[in-house]
Amino acid sequence: MKQMRRRLGDLLVETGLLSEDQLQATLAEKAAGQKLGDALLQRGLITEQQLIEVLEFQLGIPHISLYRYPFDTKLFTLIPKETAKRNLVIPLKKEGEKLFVAMADPMDFFTVDDLRLSTGFHIETAIATKDDIIRAINKYYDNNDGLDDLIGISTPVMETVQEESLKEADSPVIRLVNQLLSNASANKASDIHIDPQETKVVIRYRIDGILRVERVLPKHMQNVLTARIKIMANLDITENRTPQDGRIKPILIFILLTFVFLLCQPFLARRSSCVYLIWAAH
């Protein structure tokens, strides 16, 4: 759908959400390079929901929730991760010569033009919240980094993985655990549940008090996954019957909380472990 290139400030004034004086004052005082929408949100003159409603109802730009959206991860190669993070944009789907993207600011026509030139597609925009886009980027970009390496290893080989390989910086296991932690931080999860079941390992995040499935891993990854976390927390990786607790110092600079507490509680009936990671301030 073609959209008229109208200015956001004019739209907000026309709808009565902003006065002309407020608009001009914000334009004069906002930081260099700061987008008008961000400046208005920062000053508390509008809410993100009001901004979404104006763009949705005045310009017909659809609002989309990214929670459980069926992303086609092959499209992520069209928009590099750094571009996605810098411009708060993520690809949704492709139809013929059209590439549909979700943006926090779909009126950022410079970014839309850049995407058109870099991808070769006509860009169709939808609006999503800033938090939704950041969480989706952190969850899905490089989502399988190292995971294919682990899945491809047979169960007998996986069981012989040495402790040293769980400490090597480029180990797929380490990359996977780091990714689980960073995604939990981006999603503001209060804890992570690694729940071993009969044929699989289910990773769940508790977000706003609700447990949500983050991903499902093959059963044979259970031991190396829990062993890596035990090593990080200075626990005994050979102990599978007695509960253990420890502390993990931050390994990722963008984890906002200072420490992670870990409780490893055996499920004796299944002779396996369920790991709870609880974020706590220092």
Protein backbone atom coordinates (compact mmCIF):
# COMPACT_ATOMS: atom_id res chain seq x y z
CA MET A 1 0.00 0.00 0.00
CA LYS A 2 1.34 3.41 -0.91
CA GLN A 3 1.66 5.86 1.94
CA MET A 4 1.62 9.63 1.72
CA ARG A 5 4.85 11.08 2.99
CA ARG A 6 3.32 13.27 5.66
CA ARG A 7 5.32 14.52 8.62
CA LEU A 8 4.69 12.93 11.99
CA GLY A 9 4.49 16.26 13.79
CA ASP A 10 1.80 17.53 11.46
CA LEU A 11 -0.23 14.37 11.97
CA LEU A 12 -0.06 14.65 15.76
CA VAL A 13 -1.12 18.31 15.66
CA GLU A 14 -4.00 17.52 13.27
CA THR A 15 -5.31 14.79 15.58
CA GLY A 16 -5.11 17.04 18.63
CA LEU A 17 -2.54 14.97 20.50
CA LEU A 18 0.01 17.76 20.28
CA SER A 19 -0.16 21.53 20.11
CA GLU A 20 1.83 23.51 17.57
CA ASP A 21 3.78 25.14 20.42
CA GLN A 22 4.69 21.72 21.87
CA LEU A 23 5.80 20.50 18.46
CA GLN A 24 8.00 23.50 17.77
CA ALA A 25 9.52 23.40 21.27
CA THR A 26 10.35 19.71 20.88
CA LEU A 27 11.89 20.25 17.44
CA ALA A 28 14.03 23.07 18.83
CA GLU A 29 15.20 21.22 21.94
CA LYS A 30 15.62 17.62 20.79
CA ALA A 31 19.14 16.26 20.49
CA ALA A 32 20.86 16.33 17.11
CA GLY A 33 19.97 13.21 15.18
CA GLN A 34 17.18 12.24 17.58
CA LYS A 35 13.93 11.25 15.92
CA LEU A 36 10.89 13.37 16.67
CA GLY A 37 8.87 10.41 17.90
CA ASP A 38 11.59 9.44 20.39
CA ALA A 39 11.85 13.04 21.61
CA LEU A 40 8.10 13.29 22.14
CA LEU A 41 8.04 9.99 24.03
CA GLN A 42 11.00 11.09 26.15
CA ARG A 43 9.25 14.34 27.09
CA GLY A 44 6.06 12.47 27.94
CA LEU A 45 3.98 14.43 25.45
CA ILE A 46 2.60 11.27 23.83
CA THR A 47 2.61 7.55 24.60
CA GLU A 48 3.84 4.81 22.32
CA GLN A 49 0.30 3.50 22.05
CA GLN A 50 -0.98 6.91 20.93
CA LEU A 51 1.75 7.07 18.29
CA ILE A 52 0.81 3.61 17.02
CA GLU A 53 -2.88 4.52 16.86
CA VAL A 54 -2.19 7.71 14.88
CA LEU A 55 -0.11 5.87 12.30
CA GLU A 56 -2.56 2.96 12.13
CA PHE A 57 -5.78 4.91 11.80
CA GLN A 58 -4.61 8.08 10.05
CA LEU A 59 -2.25 6.49 7.52
CA GLY A 60 -3.51 2.93 7.45
CA ILE A 61 -0.17 1.51 8.59
CA PRO A 62 -0.97 -1.85 10.22
CA HIS A 63 0.09 -2.53 13.79
CA ILE A 64 1.59 -5.97 14.36
CA SER A 65 2.55 -7.94 17.46
CA LEU A 66 5.82 -9.80 17.02
CA TYR A 67 5.20 -12.25 19.85
CA ARG A 68 5.08 -15.69 18.22
CA TYR A 69 5.12 -14.16 14.75
CA PRO A 70 6.08 -16.88 12.20
CA PHE A 71 9.26 -15.22 10.94
CA ASP A 72 10.96 -16.50 7.81
CA THR A 73 14.53 -16.43 9.13
CA LYS A 74 15.95 -16.71 5.60
CA LEU A 75 14.89 -13.07 5.11
CA PHE A 76 17.24 -11.91 7.85
CA THR A 77 20.08 -12.09 5.35
CA LEU A 78 18.45 -9.19 3.49
CA ILE A 79 18.76 -6.82 6.45
CA PRO A 80 22.01 -7.13 8.46
CA LYS A 81 21.67 -7.32 12.23
CA GLU A 82 23.42 -3.99 12.80
CA THR A 83 21.09 -2.28 10.33
CA ALA A 84 18.09 -3.86 12.02
CA LYS A 85 19.23 -2.73 15.48
CA ARG A 86 20.23 0.76 14.39
CA ASN A 87 16.96 1.46 12.58
CA LEU A 88 14.66 -0.75 14.68
CA VAL A 89 13.41 -2.73 11.72
CA ILE A 90 12.90 -6.45 11.14
CA PRO A 91 11.77 -8.35 8.01
CA LEU A 92 8.42 -10.12 8.21
CA LYS A 93 7.67 -11.79 4.89
CA LYS A 94 8.18 -11.56 1.16
CA GLU A 95 5.48 -11.55 -1.50
CA GLY A 96 6.68 -11.25 -5.07
CA GLU A 97 8.62 -8.01 -5.36
CA LYS A 98 7.44 -6.76 -1.96
CA LEU A 99 9.32 -7.09 1.31
CA PHE A 100 7.19 -6.53 4.40
CA VAL A 101 9.00 -5.13 7.43
CA ALA A 102 8.04 -4.07 10.94
CA MET A 103 9.42 -0.73 12.10
CA ALA A 104 9.21 1.30 15.28
CA ASP A 105 9.04 4.40 13.05
CA PRO A 106 7.48 3.54 9.67
CA MET A 107 7.63 7.23 8.76
CA ASP A 108 11.42 7.05 8.69
CA PHE A 109 11.47 7.39 4.92
CA PHE A 110 15.27 7.57 4.74
CA THR A 111 15.49 4.05 6.19
CA VAL A 112 12.68 2.82 3.92
CA ASP A 113 14.52 4.18 0.87
CA ASP A 114 17.80 2.64 2.03
CA LEU A 115 16.10 -0.73 2.44
CA ARG A 116 14.57 -0.47 -1.02
CA LEU A 117 17.97 0.23 -2.57
CA SER A 118 19.89 -2.40 -0.56
CA THR A 119 17.36 -5.23 -0.94
CA GLY A 120 15.96 -4.49 -4.39
CA PHE A 121 12.41 -4.95 -3.07
CA HIS A 122 9.52 -2.55 -2.72
CA ILE A 123 9.20 -2.00 1.03
CA GLU A 124 5.83 -2.36 2.76
CA THR A 125 5.86 -1.20 6.37
CA ALA A 126 4.01 -2.17 9.53
CA ILE A 127 4.44 -0.67 12.96
CA ALA A 128 5.57 -2.60 16.04
CA THR A 129 6.63 -1.44 19.47
CA LYS A 130 10.29 -0.69 20.05
CA ASP A 131 10.54 -3.38 22.73
CA ASP A 132 8.92 -5.96 20.44
CA ILE A 133 11.43 -5.28 17.69
CA ILE A 134 14.46 -5.34 19.99
CA ARG A 135 13.34 -8.63 21.52
CA ALA A 136 12.72 -10.18 18.09
CA ILE A 137 16.11 -9.07 16.81
CA ASN A 138 17.90 -10.53 19.82
CA LYS A 139 15.90 -13.73 19.65
CA TYR A 140 15.94 -14.54 15.95
CA TYR A 141 19.08 -13.01 14.44
CA ASP A 142 21.87 -15.57 14.61
CA ASN A 143 19.36 -17.77 16.41
CA ASN A 144 20.98 -20.93 15.11
CA ASP A 145 24.57 -19.82 15.63
CA GLY A 146 26.29 -22.98 16.82
CA LEU A 147 23.03 -24.86 17.17
CA ASP A 148 23.40 -26.74 13.88
CA ASP A 149 26.85 -27.88 15.00
CA LEU A 150 25.38 -29.35 18.16
CA ILE A 151 22.34 -30.92 16.57
CA GLY A 152 24.54 -32.65 14.03
CA ILE A 153 26.54 -34.43 16.71
CA SER A 154 25.28 -37.91 17.47
CA THR A 155 24.26 -38.86 21.01
CA PRO A 156 27.24 -41.16 21.75
CA VAL A 157 29.69 -38.48 20.63
CA MET A 158 27.85 -35.80 22.60
CA GLU A 159 28.18 -37.84 25.77
CA THR A 160 31.99 -37.89 25.42
CA VAL A 161 32.35 -34.10 25.21
CA GLN A 162 35.20 -33.10 27.49
CA GLU A 163 35.02 -30.39 30.15
CA GLU A 164 37.72 -28.41 28.34
CA SER A 165 35.45 -28.01 25.29
CA LEU A 166 32.84 -26.42 27.53
CA LYS A 167 35.30 -23.65 28.36
CA GLU A 168 36.56 -22.82 24.87
CA ALA A 169 35.32 -19.39 23.74
CA ASP A 170 34.29 -20.57 20.27
CA SER A 171 32.51 -23.70 21.49
CA PRO A 172 28.96 -24.07 20.08
CA VAL A 173 27.75 -24.93 23.59
CA ILE A 174 29.12 -21.67 24.97
CA ARG A 175 27.60 -19.66 22.14
CA LEU A 176 24.24 -21.32 22.75
CA VAL A 177 24.25 -20.64 26.50
CA ASN A 178 25.39 -17.05 25.95
CA GLN A 179 22.55 -16.60 23.49
CA LEU A 180 19.99 -18.00 25.94
CA LEU A 181 21.21 -15.54 28.59
CA SER A 182 21.25 -12.53 26.27
CA ASN A 183 17.77 -13.33 24.94
CA ALA A 184 16.49 -13.67 28.50
CA SER A 185 17.94 -10.25 29.31
CA ALA A 186 16.43 -8.66 26.20
CA ASN A 187 13.04 -10.18 27.03
CA LYS A 188 13.33 -9.06 30.68
CA ALA A 189 12.79 -12.63 31.84
CA SER A 190 12.88 -13.18 35.60
CA ASP A 191 14.13 -16.74 35.25
CA ILE A 192 14.96 -19.44 32.74
CA HIS A 193 13.72 -23.02 33.00
CA ILE A 194 15.66 -25.76 31.24
CA ASP A 195 13.21 -28.61 31.44
CA PRO A 196 14.39 -32.06 30.28
CA GLN A 197 11.61 -34.27 28.99
CA GLU A 198 11.58 -37.80 27.61
CA THR A 199 12.56 -36.91 24.03
CA LYS A 200 13.51 -33.23 24.17
CA VAL A 201 14.72 -30.32 26.29
CA VAL A 202 12.33 -27.39 26.57
CA ILE A 203 13.70 -23.91 27.30
CA ARG A 204 11.20 -21.57 28.93
CA TYR A 205 11.44 -17.94 30.02
CA ARG A 206 9.26 -16.49 32.75
CA ILE A 207 8.17 -13.08 31.48
CA ASP A 208 5.73 -10.96 33.49
CA GLY A 209 4.99 -14.00 35.64
CA ILE A 210 4.10 -16.24 32.69
CA LEU A 211 6.23 -19.14 31.48
CA ARG A 212 6.75 -18.99 27.72
CA VAL A 213 8.52 -21.52 25.53
CA GLU A 214 11.68 -19.99 24.06
CA ARG A 215 12.85 -23.01 22.08
CA VAL A 216 12.98 -26.79 22.04
CA LEU A 217 16.32 -28.63 21.81
CA PRO A 218 17.18 -32.25 21.06
CA LYS A 219 17.37 -34.52 24.10
CA HIS A 220 21.05 -35.30 23.53
CA MET A 221 21.96 -31.67 24.25
CA GLN A 222 20.74 -31.86 27.84
CA ASN A 223 23.98 -32.94 29.51
CA VAL A 224 26.35 -30.51 27.78
CA LEU A 225 23.92 -27.64 28.30
CA THR A 226 23.56 -28.18 32.04
CA ALA A 227 27.27 -28.98 32.38
CA ARG A 228 28.20 -25.65 30.80
CA ILE A 229 25.94 -23.76 33.19
CA LYS A 230 27.39 -25.68 36.15
CA ILE A 231 30.91 -24.75 35.05
CA MET A 232 29.93 -21.08 34.80
CA ALA A 233 28.53 -21.24 38.34
CA ASN A 234 31.51 -23.19 39.72
CA LEU A 235 29.37 -26.23 40.52
CA ASP A 236 30.29 -29.91 40.44
CA ILE A 237 29.37 -31.14 36.95
CA THR A 238 29.49 -34.78 38.11
CA GLU A 239 26.87 -34.27 40.84
CA ASN A 240 23.38 -35.08 39.52
CA ARG A 241 21.52 -36.17 42.64
CA THR A 242 22.02 -33.34 45.15
CA PRO A 243 20.67 -29.79 44.62
CA GLN A 244 23.41 -27.19 44.06
CA ASP A 245 23.40 -23.42 43.95
CA GLY A 246 25.98 -20.98 42.68
CA ARG A 247 26.55 -17.58 41.14
CA ILE A 248 27.46 -16.63 37.59
CA LYS A 249 29.28 -13.38 36.99
CA PRO A 250 28.13 -11.45 33.91
CA ILE A 251 29.68 -12.76 30.72
CA LEU A 252 27.83 -10.46 28.32
CA ILE A 253 28.27 -6.72 28.54
CA PHE A 254 24.65 -6.03 27.61
CA ILE A 255 23.21 -8.09 30.45
CA LEU A 256 21.75 -5.32 32.59
CA LEU A 257 21.63 -7.17 35.90
CA THR A 258 24.78 -7.67 37.87
CA PHE A 259 24.64 -11.33 38.86
CA VAL A 260 22.81 -14.51 38.06
CA PHE A 261 21.94 -17.00 40.79
CA LEU A 262 21.59 -20.62 39.81
CA LEU A 263 19.76 -23.51 41.43
CA CYS A 264 20.21 -26.96 40.00
CA GLN A 265 17.45 -29.25 41.23
CA PRO A 266 17.50 -32.92 40.19
CA PHE A 267 14.37 -34.64 38.96
CA LEU A 268 15.24 -37.96 40.55
CA ALA A 269 12.50 -39.92 38.82
CA ARG A 270 14.01 -39.06 35.47
CA ARG A 271 17.61 -38.83 36.75
CA SER A 272 17.93 -35.46 35.06
CA SER A 273 18.24 -31.83 36.02
CA CYS A 274 16.03 -28.80 35.82
CA VAL A 275 17.94 -25.53 35.94
CA TYR A 276 16.46 -22.26 37.12
CA LEU A 277 18.36 -19.07 36.39
CA ILE A 278 17.15 -16.15 38.47
CA TRP A 279 18.40 -12.65 37.72
CA ALA A 280 19.26 -10.62 40.80
CA ALA A 281 20.75 -7.19 41.38
CA HIS A 282 24.16 -6.98 43.01
